[in-house]
Amino acid sequence: MKIFLTGANGVAEAIKRGRGTLFISRKSRRANELEKLANEHGVSIRQVSEKTLTKLTRNMGHRGYAIETGKQRESGAIRSLGDIESTIGNDSLVVLLDGITDPRNLGAVIRAAEQFCVLAVIIPKRRSAGEDTDILSRTSAGAIEWIPLLKVPNIARTLGELKDMGFWVWGADTRGTSIREINLVGRIALVMGREGKGLHRLVRDNCDGLLRIPVSGNLDSLNVATAAGILMYEVRRQQDVYAKS
């Protein structure tokens, strides 16, 4: 299956990975930069018409360039849940998304996950937002090229497998304990639920505990991507990861 990425950052990150074919339909500063980058990384380039690129990408809003990647890249050494066990360290962090159906939210979480050195983002195979690769590439600013996105049959069962690997599983819930009062050192798995509805019951029941971000606004919750970013930061702050790097 051919997959085309049309966002500038996503195209650039795919090129840095040395994969795909770069298509260019018109000259521009950005197109020239991508062409130069492709030459540096050994990525082939094809000059096509505007009409052809629009047909190939099914995107009337492309900006004169796209990269055909064949399929979504399997990032790094982690291609399945089993691969996590061979790569985990004492301060490993994974993020699980329970029923997030907006690909823009998923992309934003992946972008934050890349910045906070998350081992993998894990989503369910069904009723999730992991199918639109171009939107994920755009909204993650290309971070999808670097962060493994694992699809599992059952999130609740996956939590049990992570516990067996030594992870403490914390679910985000507005009724949970403030993150100021929780020890988040060690192997941590953060579970984010659906906006408005939160975690499914079975997923919540399989968490070691529930945590919340202390806020004082009038709304009842934060956007899931914003909340995930704050929680990832707090985990890394407590683990003192950046002081070690």
C-alpha atoms as a PDB file:
ATOM      1  CA  MET A   1       0.000   0.000   0.000  1.00  0.00           C
ATOM      2  CA  LYS A   2       1.340   3.392  -1.007  1.00  0.00           C
ATOM      3  CA  ILE A   3       1.357   6.054   1.689  1.00  0.00           C
ATOM      4  CA  PHE A   4       2.065   9.681   0.872  1.00  0.00           C
ATOM      5  CA  LEU A   5       3.148  12.244   3.451  1.00  0.00           C
ATOM      6  CA  THR A   6       2.560  15.880   2.526  1.00  0.00           C
ATOM      7  CA  GLY A   7       3.541  17.873   5.622  1.00  0.00           C
ATOM      8  CA  ALA A   8       6.944  19.556   5.341  1.00  0.00           C
ATOM      9  CA  ASN A   9       8.240  18.332   8.715  1.00  0.00           C
ATOM     10  CA  GLY A  10       6.996  14.799   8.171  1.00  0.00           C
ATOM     11  CA  VAL A  11       8.531  14.667   4.704  1.00  0.00           C
ATOM     12  CA  ALA A  12      11.852  15.926   6.074  1.00  0.00           C
ATOM     13  CA  GLU A  13      11.942  13.359   8.895  1.00  0.00           C
ATOM     14  CA  ALA A  14      11.120  10.505   6.498  1.00  0.00           C
ATOM     15  CA  ILE A  15      13.972  11.663   4.250  1.00  0.00           C
ATOM     16  CA  LYS A  16      16.354  11.676   7.226  1.00  0.00           C
ATOM     17  CA  ARG A  17      15.371   8.050   7.732  1.00  0.00           C
ATOM     18  CA  GLY A  18      16.475   7.427   4.144  1.00  0.00           C
ATOM     19  CA  ARG A  19      13.221   5.947   2.950  1.00  0.00           C
ATOM     20  CA  GLY A  20      10.694   6.553   0.205  1.00  0.00           C
ATOM     21  CA  THR A  21      10.627   8.622  -2.975  1.00  0.00           C
ATOM     22  CA  LEU A  22      10.314  12.404  -2.938  1.00  0.00           C
ATOM     23  CA  PHE A  23       7.832  13.837  -5.451  1.00  0.00           C
ATOM     24  CA  ILE A  24       8.099  17.505  -6.446  1.00  0.00           C
ATOM     25  CA  SER A  25       5.600  19.304  -8.687  1.00  0.00           C
ATOM     26  CA  ARG A  26       6.754  22.911  -8.377  1.00  0.00           C
ATOM     27  CA  LYS A  27       9.744  24.882  -7.195  1.00  0.00           C
ATOM     28  CA  SER A  28       9.746  26.723  -3.898  1.00  0.00           C
ATOM     29  CA  ARG A  29      12.199  27.421  -1.120  1.00  0.00           C
ATOM     30  CA  ARG A  30      10.866  24.524   0.925  1.00  0.00           C
ATOM     31  CA  ALA A  31      10.834  22.157  -2.053  1.00  0.00           C
ATOM     32  CA  ASN A  32      14.445  23.074  -2.777  1.00  0.00           C
ATOM     33  CA  GLU A  33      15.405  22.360   0.843  1.00  0.00           C
ATOM     34  CA  LEU A  34      13.708  18.953   0.719  1.00  0.00           C
ATOM     35  CA  GLU A  35      15.368  18.140  -2.589  1.00  0.00           C
ATOM     36  CA  LYS A  36      18.779  18.974  -1.126  1.00  0.00           C
ATOM     37  CA  LEU A  37      18.026  16.863   1.946  1.00  0.00           C
ATOM     38  CA  ALA A  38      16.954  13.947  -0.260  1.00  0.00           C
ATOM     39  CA  ASN A  39      20.228  14.113  -2.164  1.00  0.00           C
ATOM     40  CA  GLU A  40      22.160  14.067   1.107  1.00  0.00           C
ATOM     41  CA  HIS A  41      20.321  10.972   2.361  1.00  0.00           C
ATOM     42  CA  GLY A  42      20.150   9.009  -0.873  1.00  0.00           C
ATOM     43  CA  VAL A  43      16.398   9.360  -1.347  1.00  0.00           C
ATOM     44  CA  SER A  44      15.244   9.255  -4.970  1.00  0.00           C
ATOM     45  CA  ILE A  45      13.446  12.267  -6.445  1.00  0.00           C
ATOM     46  CA  ARG A  46      10.741  12.436  -9.105  1.00  0.00           C
ATOM     47  CA  GLN A  47       9.543  15.562 -10.855  1.00  0.00           C
ATOM     48  CA  VAL A  48       5.808  15.336 -11.612  1.00  0.00           C
ATOM     49  CA  SER A  49       3.014  17.633 -12.685  1.00  0.00           C
ATOM     50  CA  GLU A  50       0.727  19.379 -10.235  1.00  0.00           C
ATOM     51  CA  LYS A  51      -2.184  17.290 -11.472  1.00  0.00           C
ATOM     52  CA  THR A  52      -0.268  14.037 -11.009  1.00  0.00           C
ATOM     53  CA  LEU A  53       0.806  14.896  -7.460  1.00  0.00           C
ATOM     54  CA  THR A  54      -2.753  15.848  -6.524  1.00  0.00           C
ATOM     55  CA  LYS A  55      -4.027  12.534  -7.878  1.00  0.00           C
ATOM     56  CA  LEU A  56      -1.313  10.507  -6.157  1.00  0.00           C
ATOM     57  CA  THR A  57      -1.734  12.137  -2.757  1.00  0.00           C
ATOM     58  CA  ARG A  58      -5.502  12.658  -2.963  1.00  0.00           C
ATOM     59  CA  ASN A  59      -4.727  16.006  -1.426  1.00  0.00           C
ATOM     60  CA  MET A  60      -5.732  19.219  -3.186  1.00  0.00           C
ATOM     61  CA  GLY A  61      -3.890  21.165  -0.485  1.00  0.00           C
ATOM     62  CA  HIS A  62      -0.383  19.789  -0.986  1.00  0.00           C
ATOM     63  CA  ARG A  63       2.340  22.419  -1.365  1.00  0.00           C
ATOM     64  CA  GLY A  64       4.159  20.986  -4.332  1.00  0.00           C
ATOM     65  CA  TYR A  65       5.954  18.144  -2.588  1.00  0.00           C
ATOM     66  CA  ALA A  66       5.220  14.781  -0.981  1.00  0.00           C
ATOM     67  CA  ILE A  67       7.050  11.609  -0.092  1.00  0.00           C
ATOM     68  CA  GLU A  68       5.805   8.125  -0.916  1.00  0.00           C
ATOM     69  CA  THR A  69       6.875   5.849   1.921  1.00  0.00           C
ATOM     70  CA  GLY A  70       5.268   2.525   1.042  1.00  0.00           C
ATOM     71  CA  LYS A  71       3.977   2.036   4.575  1.00  0.00           C
ATOM     72  CA  GLN A  72       4.131   3.581   8.018  1.00  0.00           C
ATOM     73  CA  ARG A  73       7.655   3.145   9.321  1.00  0.00           C
ATOM     74  CA  GLU A  74       8.232   0.742  12.175  1.00  0.00           C
ATOM     75  CA  SER A  75      10.364   2.916  14.415  1.00  0.00           C
ATOM     76  CA  GLY A  76      13.634   1.697  15.837  1.00  0.00           C
ATOM     77  CA  ALA A  77      14.008  -1.699  17.449  1.00  0.00           C
ATOM     78  CA  ILE A  78      10.511  -1.701  18.965  1.00  0.00           C
ATOM     79  CA  ARG A  79       7.983  -3.237  16.604  1.00  0.00           C
ATOM     80  CA  SER A  80       5.840  -5.123  19.092  1.00  0.00           C
ATOM     81  CA  LEU A  81       5.078  -5.169  22.791  1.00  0.00           C
ATOM     82  CA  GLY A  82       7.581  -7.976  23.254  1.00  0.00           C
ATOM     83  CA  ASP A  83      10.381  -5.770  21.919  1.00  0.00           C
ATOM     84  CA  ILE A  84       9.880  -3.340  24.812  1.00  0.00           C
ATOM     85  CA  GLU A  85      11.166  -5.879  27.323  1.00  0.00           C
ATOM     86  CA  SER A  86      14.591  -6.019  25.666  1.00  0.00           C
ATOM     87  CA  THR A  87      14.968  -2.223  25.599  1.00  0.00           C
ATOM     88  CA  ILE A  88      13.592  -1.049  28.953  1.00  0.00           C
ATOM     89  CA  GLY A  89      15.747   0.662  31.543  1.00  0.00           C
ATOM     90  CA  ASN A  90      15.192   1.690  35.131  1.00  0.00           C
ATOM     91  CA  ASP A  91      13.457   4.947  34.119  1.00  0.00           C
ATOM     92  CA  SER A  92      11.545   3.805  31.030  1.00  0.00           C
ATOM     93  CA  LEU A  93       8.293   5.519  30.086  1.00  0.00           C
ATOM     94  CA  VAL A  94       5.476   4.333  27.822  1.00  0.00           C
ATOM     95  CA  VAL A  95       2.163   6.028  27.027  1.00  0.00           C
ATOM     96  CA  LEU A  96      -1.092   4.204  26.304  1.00  0.00           C
ATOM     97  CA  LEU A  97      -4.146   5.845  24.746  1.00  0.00           C
ATOM     98  CA  ASP A  98      -7.497   4.279  25.550  1.00  0.00           C
ATOM     99  CA  GLY A  99      -9.975   5.060  22.788  1.00  0.00           C
ATOM    100  CA  ILE A 100      -8.487   8.284  21.378  1.00  0.00           C
ATOM    101  CA  THR A 101     -10.198   8.646  17.989  1.00  0.00           C
ATOM    102  CA  ASP A 102      -8.959  12.080  16.844  1.00  0.00           C
ATOM    103  CA  PRO A 103      -5.751  11.653  14.795  1.00  0.00           C
ATOM    104  CA  ARG A 104      -4.754  15.233  15.607  1.00  0.00           C
ATOM    105  CA  ASN A 105      -4.750  14.456  19.316  1.00  0.00           C
ATOM    106  CA  LEU A 106      -2.772  11.274  18.671  1.00  0.00           C
ATOM    107  CA  GLY A 107      -0.252  13.194  16.566  1.00  0.00           C
ATOM    108  CA  ALA A 108       0.185  15.809  19.271  1.00  0.00           C
ATOM    109  CA  VAL A 109       0.771  13.103  21.892  1.00  0.00           C
ATOM    110  CA  ILE A 110       3.385  11.450  19.661  1.00  0.00           C
ATOM    111  CA  ARG A 111       5.140  14.790  19.190  1.00  0.00           C
ATOM    112  CA  ALA A 112       5.367  15.280  22.965  1.00  0.00           C
ATOM    113  CA  ALA A 113       6.408  11.649  23.433  1.00  0.00           C
ATOM    114  CA  GLU A 114       9.388  12.162  21.136  1.00  0.00           C
ATOM    115  CA  GLN A 115      10.528  15.141  23.193  1.00  0.00           C
ATOM    116  CA  PHE A 116      10.267  13.221  26.464  1.00  0.00           C
ATOM    117  CA  CYS A 117      12.057  10.080  25.206  1.00  0.00           C
ATOM    118  CA  VAL A 118       9.054   7.778  25.474  1.00  0.00           C
ATOM    119  CA  LEU A 119       9.773   4.165  24.497  1.00  0.00           C
ATOM    120  CA  ALA A 120       6.482   3.734  22.637  1.00  0.00           C
ATOM    121  CA  VAL A 121       2.951   5.034  22.284  1.00  0.00           C
ATOM    122  CA  ILE A 122       0.449   2.183  22.476  1.00  0.00           C
ATOM    123  CA  ILE A 123      -3.088   2.267  21.042  1.00  0.00           C
ATOM    124  CA  PRO A 124      -5.826  -0.334  20.490  1.00  0.00           C
ATOM    125  CA  LYS A 125      -6.155  -1.823  17.017  1.00  0.00           C
ATOM    126  CA  ARG A 126      -9.872  -1.045  16.908  1.00  0.00           C
ATOM    127  CA  ARG A 127     -11.659   2.260  17.458  1.00  0.00           C
ATOM    128  CA  SER A 128      -8.498   4.315  17.491  1.00  0.00           C
ATOM    129  CA  ALA A 129      -6.924   7.136  15.483  1.00  0.00           C
ATOM    130  CA  GLY A 130      -3.887   5.348  14.076  1.00  0.00           C
ATOM    131  CA  GLU A 131      -4.960   4.890  10.451  1.00  0.00           C
ATOM    132  CA  ASP A 132      -4.406   8.291   8.806  1.00  0.00           C
ATOM    133  CA  THR A 133      -0.635   8.330   8.460  1.00  0.00           C
ATOM    134  CA  ASP A 134      -0.466  11.689   6.685  1.00  0.00           C
ATOM    135  CA  ILE A 135      -2.397  13.491   9.430  1.00  0.00           C
ATOM    136  CA  LEU A 136      -0.289  11.748  12.089  1.00  0.00           C
ATOM    137  CA  SER A 137       2.855  12.849  10.280  1.00  0.00           C
ATOM    138  CA  ARG A 138       1.617  16.432  10.032  1.00  0.00           C
ATOM    139  CA  THR A 139       0.302  16.811  13.574  1.00  0.00           C
ATOM    140  CA  SER A 140       3.320  15.084  15.126  1.00  0.00           C
ATOM    141  CA  ALA A 141       5.676  17.315  13.094  1.00  0.00           C
ATOM    142  CA  GLY A 142       7.349  14.151  11.814  1.00  0.00           C
ATOM    143  CA  ALA A 143       7.807  12.582  15.268  1.00  0.00           C
ATOM    144  CA  ILE A 144       5.958   9.486  14.006  1.00  0.00           C
ATOM    145  CA  GLU A 145       9.215   8.639  12.230  1.00  0.00           C
ATOM    146  CA  TRP A 146      11.004   8.304  15.560  1.00  0.00           C
ATOM    147  CA  ILE A 147       8.434   7.061  18.085  1.00  0.00           C
ATOM    148  CA  PRO A 148       7.114   3.492  17.795  1.00  0.00           C
ATOM    149  CA  LEU A 149       3.320   3.426  17.520  1.00  0.00           C
ATOM    150  CA  LEU A 150       2.199  -0.004  18.678  1.00  0.00           C
ATOM    151  CA  LYS A 151      -1.293  -1.343  18.053  1.00  0.00           C
ATOM    152  CA  VAL A 152      -2.508  -3.982  20.483  1.00  0.00           C
ATOM    153  CA  PRO A 153      -5.715  -6.052  20.566  1.00  0.00           C
ATOM    154  CA  ASN A 154      -6.602  -5.162  24.141  1.00  0.00           C
ATOM    155  CA  ILE A 155      -5.337  -2.258  26.266  1.00  0.00           C
ATOM    156  CA  ALA A 156      -6.406  -3.782  29.597  1.00  0.00           C
ATOM    157  CA  ARG A 157      -4.509  -7.002  28.847  1.00  0.00           C
ATOM    158  CA  THR A 158      -1.493  -4.995  27.722  1.00  0.00           C
ATOM    159  CA  LEU A 159      -1.377  -3.258  31.101  1.00  0.00           C
ATOM    160  CA  GLY A 160      -0.948  -6.648  32.744  1.00  0.00           C
ATOM    161  CA  GLU A 161       1.940  -7.461  30.421  1.00  0.00           C
ATOM    162  CA  LEU A 162       3.616  -4.156  31.237  1.00  0.00           C
ATOM    163  CA  LYS A 163       3.239  -4.845  34.962  1.00  0.00           C
ATOM    164  CA  ASP A 164       5.014  -8.153  34.416  1.00  0.00           C
ATOM    165  CA  MET A 165       7.886  -6.122  32.912  1.00  0.00           C
ATOM    166  CA  GLY A 166       8.129  -4.039  36.067  1.00  0.00           C
ATOM    167  CA  PHE A 167       6.080  -0.992  35.035  1.00  0.00           C
ATOM    168  CA  TRP A 168       3.886   0.944  37.441  1.00  0.00           C
ATOM    169  CA  VAL A 169       0.668   1.746  35.608  1.00  0.00           C
ATOM    170  CA  TRP A 170      -0.976   5.105  36.285  1.00  0.00           C
ATOM    171  CA  GLY A 171      -4.261   6.148  34.672  1.00  0.00           C
ATOM    172  CA  ALA A 172      -5.181   9.787  34.143  1.00  0.00           C
ATOM    173  CA  ASP A 173      -8.470  10.596  35.860  1.00  0.00           C
ATOM    174  CA  THR A 174      -9.882  13.830  37.290  1.00  0.00           C
ATOM    175  CA  ARG A 175     -10.774  11.868  40.468  1.00  0.00           C
ATOM    176  CA  GLY A 176      -7.237  10.600  40.931  1.00  0.00           C
ATOM    177  CA  THR A 177      -4.495  11.668  43.315  1.00  0.00           C
ATOM    178  CA  SER A 178      -2.623  14.874  42.513  1.00  0.00           C
ATOM    179  CA  ILE A 179       0.666  14.264  40.696  1.00  0.00           C
ATOM    180  CA  ARG A 180       2.294  16.356  43.429  1.00  0.00           C
ATOM    181  CA  GLU A 181       1.622  13.511  45.852  1.00  0.00           C
ATOM    182  CA  ILE A 182       2.703  10.540  43.705  1.00  0.00           C
ATOM    183  CA  ASN A 183       6.112   8.941  43.316  1.00  0.00           C
ATOM    184  CA  LEU A 184       6.648   8.570  39.568  1.00  0.00           C
ATOM    185  CA  VAL A 185      10.206   7.244  39.676  1.00  0.00           C
ATOM    186  CA  GLY A 186      10.986   3.918  38.002  1.00  0.00           C
ATOM    187  CA  ARG A 187       9.337   2.266  35.029  1.00  0.00           C
ATOM    188  CA  ILE A 188       6.137   4.170  34.365  1.00  0.00           C
ATOM    189  CA  ALA A 189       3.200   3.529  32.040  1.00  0.00           C
ATOM    190  CA  LEU A 190       0.800   6.463  31.639  1.00  0.00           C
ATOM    191  CA  VAL A 191      -2.723   5.707  30.422  1.00  0.00           C
ATOM    192  CA  MET A 192      -4.811   8.472  28.881  1.00  0.00           C
ATOM    193  CA  GLY A 193      -8.552   8.063  28.335  1.00  0.00           C
ATOM    194  CA  ARG A 194     -11.196   9.483  26.039  1.00  0.00           C
ATOM    195  CA  GLU A 195     -12.023  13.159  26.332  1.00  0.00           C
ATOM    196  CA  GLY A 196     -15.277  13.593  28.195  1.00  0.00           C
ATOM    197  CA  LYS A 197     -15.619   9.897  29.079  1.00  0.00           C
ATOM    198  CA  GLY A 198     -12.183   9.020  30.427  1.00  0.00           C
ATOM    199  CA  LEU A 199     -10.830   5.495  30.807  1.00  0.00           C
ATOM    200  CA  HIS A 200     -12.897   2.406  30.081  1.00  0.00           C
ATOM    201  CA  ARG A 201     -13.822   0.560  33.282  1.00  0.00           C
ATOM    202  CA  LEU A 202     -11.641  -2.494  32.630  1.00  0.00           C
ATOM    203  CA  VAL A 203      -8.680  -0.281  31.782  1.00  0.00           C
ATOM    204  CA  ARG A 204      -9.197   1.793  34.943  1.00  0.00           C
ATOM    205  CA  ASP A 205      -9.476  -1.350  37.055  1.00  0.00           C
ATOM    206  CA  ASN A 206      -6.149  -2.623  35.700  1.00  0.00           C
ATOM    207  CA  CYS A 207      -4.222   0.515  36.668  1.00  0.00           C
ATOM    208  CA  ASP A 208      -2.105   0.512  39.823  1.00  0.00           C
ATOM    209  CA  GLY A 209      -3.531   3.930  40.629  1.00  0.00           C
ATOM    210  CA  LEU A 210      -5.147   7.052  39.207  1.00  0.00           C
ATOM    211  CA  LEU A 211      -3.548  10.466  39.000  1.00  0.00           C
ATOM    212  CA  ARG A 212      -4.672  13.952  38.074  1.00  0.00           C
ATOM    213  CA  ILE A 213      -3.143  17.288  37.190  1.00  0.00           C
ATOM    214  CA  PRO A 214      -4.085  19.913  39.784  1.00  0.00           C
ATOM    215  CA  VAL A 215      -5.878  22.749  37.969  1.00  0.00           C
ATOM    216  CA  SER A 216      -8.149  25.596  39.018  1.00  0.00           C
ATOM    217  CA  GLY A 217      -9.956  26.627  35.835  1.00  0.00           C
ATOM    218  CA  ASN A 218     -13.661  26.507  35.073  1.00  0.00           C
ATOM    219  CA  LEU A 219     -13.540  23.638  32.582  1.00  0.00           C
ATOM    220  CA  ASP A 220     -13.622  20.040  33.792  1.00  0.00           C
ATOM    221  CA  SER A 221     -10.504  18.780  32.021  1.00  0.00           C
ATOM    222  CA  LEU A 222      -7.534  19.499  29.754  1.00  0.00           C
ATOM    223  CA  ASN A 223      -7.192  18.428  26.141  1.00  0.00           C
ATOM    224  CA  VAL A 224      -5.779  14.884  26.157  1.00  0.00           C
ATOM    225  CA  ALA A 225      -2.599  15.871  24.303  1.00  0.00           C
ATOM    226  CA  THR A 226      -1.960  18.782  26.679  1.00  0.00           C
ATOM    227  CA  ALA A 227      -2.549  16.575  29.709  1.00  0.00           C
ATOM    228  CA  ALA A 228      -0.297  13.847  28.323  1.00  0.00           C
ATOM    229  CA  GLY A 229       2.515  16.351  27.778  1.00  0.00           C
ATOM    230  CA  ILE A 230       2.247  17.657  31.340  1.00  0.00           C
ATOM    231  CA  LEU A 231       2.262  14.146  32.790  1.00  0.00           C
ATOM    232  CA  MET A 232       5.236  13.087  30.673  1.00  0.00           C
ATOM    233  CA  TYR A 233       7.147  16.125  31.872  1.00  0.00           C
ATOM    234  CA  GLU A 234       6.315  15.408  35.516  1.00  0.00           C
ATOM    235  CA  VAL A 235       7.504  11.801  35.193  1.00  0.00           C
ATOM    236  CA  ARG A 236      10.790  12.908  33.658  1.00  0.00           C
ATOM    237  CA  ARG A 237      11.176  15.699  36.247  1.00  0.00           C
ATOM    238  CA  GLN A 238      10.805  13.244  39.103  1.00  0.00           C
ATOM    239  CA  GLN A 239      13.103  10.742  37.459  1.00  0.00           C
ATOM    240  CA  ASP A 240      15.664  13.546  37.058  1.00  0.00           C
ATOM    241  CA  VAL A 241      16.364  12.241  33.563  1.00  0.00           C
ATOM    242  CA  TYR A 242      17.556  15.550  32.165  1.00  0.00           C
ATOM    243  CA  ALA A 243      20.055  16.062  34.954  1.00  0.00           C
ATOM    244  CA  LYS A 244      21.637  12.754  33.952  1.00  0.00           C
ATOM    245  CA  SER A 245      21.915  13.608  30.247  1.00  0.00           C
END
